[in-house]
Amino acid sequence: MADRYLTVAQVAELLGTTERFPRRLIAERRIVFVKVGRHVRIPESALNAFIEAHTVQPIGYRRSSLRRAA
């Protein structure tokens, strides 16, 4: 299966951010990217892996840890 290569603008739109955020991720080498000449592309699989790695799961509360008000 071929991977789609996204532009910085497409990544920003998918993340709901400005273009500055994906550019910072690229500059800080925090996301996989491909340089094609002077153009930068981010593989869709790399974006999905980045999102998955930074997803925070909710904390599950145990009933015994919850206190009732008196």
Protein backbone atom coordinates (compact mmCIF):
# COMPACT_ATOMS: atom_id res chain seq x y z
CA MET A 1 0.00 0.00 0.00
CA ALA A 2 1.44 3.35 -1.04
CA ASP A 3 1.73 6.08 1.54
CA ARG A 4 0.36 9.56 0.81
CA TYR A 5 2.80 12.42 1.24
CA LEU A 6 1.22 15.53 2.72
CA THR A 7 2.30 19.13 2.43
CA VAL A 8 2.85 21.26 5.51
CA ALA A 9 -0.43 23.05 4.79
CA GLN A 10 -2.33 19.74 4.60
CA VAL A 11 -0.81 18.54 7.88
CA ALA A 12 -1.72 21.83 9.56
CA GLU A 13 -5.29 21.52 8.33
CA LEU A 14 -5.59 17.93 9.57
CA LEU A 15 -4.20 18.90 12.98
CA GLY A 16 -6.32 22.05 13.17
CA THR A 17 -3.28 24.28 13.65
CA THR A 18 -1.40 26.92 11.72
CA GLU A 19 1.44 25.94 9.36
CA ARG A 20 3.92 27.10 11.98
CA PHE A 21 3.32 24.05 14.21
CA PRO A 22 4.19 21.33 11.63
CA ARG A 23 7.17 23.44 10.50
CA ARG A 24 8.40 23.53 14.11
CA LEU A 25 7.98 19.75 14.38
CA ILE A 26 10.11 19.39 11.25
CA ALA A 27 12.76 21.87 12.44
CA GLU A 28 13.04 20.10 15.80
CA ARG A 29 13.13 16.66 14.07
CA ARG A 30 10.11 15.52 16.11
CA ILE A 31 8.29 14.04 13.09
CA VAL A 32 9.45 11.99 10.10
CA PHE A 33 9.60 13.99 6.88
CA VAL A 34 10.87 13.65 3.31
CA LYS A 35 12.70 16.34 1.37
CA VAL A 36 12.01 16.41 -2.34
CA GLY A 37 14.32 19.09 -3.62
CA ARG A 38 13.37 22.10 -1.55
CA HIS A 39 9.90 20.77 -0.81
CA VAL A 40 9.07 19.04 2.46
CA ARG A 41 6.48 16.27 2.66
CA ILE A 42 5.24 14.30 5.64
CA PRO A 43 4.11 10.70 5.08
CA GLU A 44 0.55 10.13 6.26
CA SER A 45 1.72 7.10 8.28
CA ALA A 46 4.27 9.31 10.11
CA LEU A 47 1.53 11.81 10.99
CA ASN A 48 -0.69 9.00 12.29
CA ALA A 49 2.21 7.59 14.34
CA PHE A 50 2.94 11.06 15.78
CA ILE A 51 -0.70 11.51 16.79
CA GLU A 52 -0.85 8.02 18.31
CA ALA A 53 2.38 8.57 20.28
CA HIS A 54 1.08 11.83 21.74
CA THR A 55 -2.45 10.69 22.55
CA VAL A 56 -3.18 10.84 26.28
CA GLN A 57 -5.57 8.24 27.63
CA PRO A 58 -8.05 9.18 30.38
CA ILE A 59 -7.42 7.98 33.91
CA GLY A 60 -9.76 5.25 35.09
CA TYR A 61 -11.08 5.89 38.59
CA ARG A 62 -11.71 3.06 41.00
CA ARG A 63 -14.88 3.34 43.01
CA SER A 64 -12.98 3.00 46.30
CA SER A 65 -10.85 6.03 45.52
CA LEU A 66 -13.89 8.31 45.15
CA ARG A 67 -15.10 9.87 48.37
CA ARG A 68 -18.69 10.65 49.16
CA ALA A 69 -19.65 13.99 50.61
CA ALA A 70 -20.94 13.75 54.18
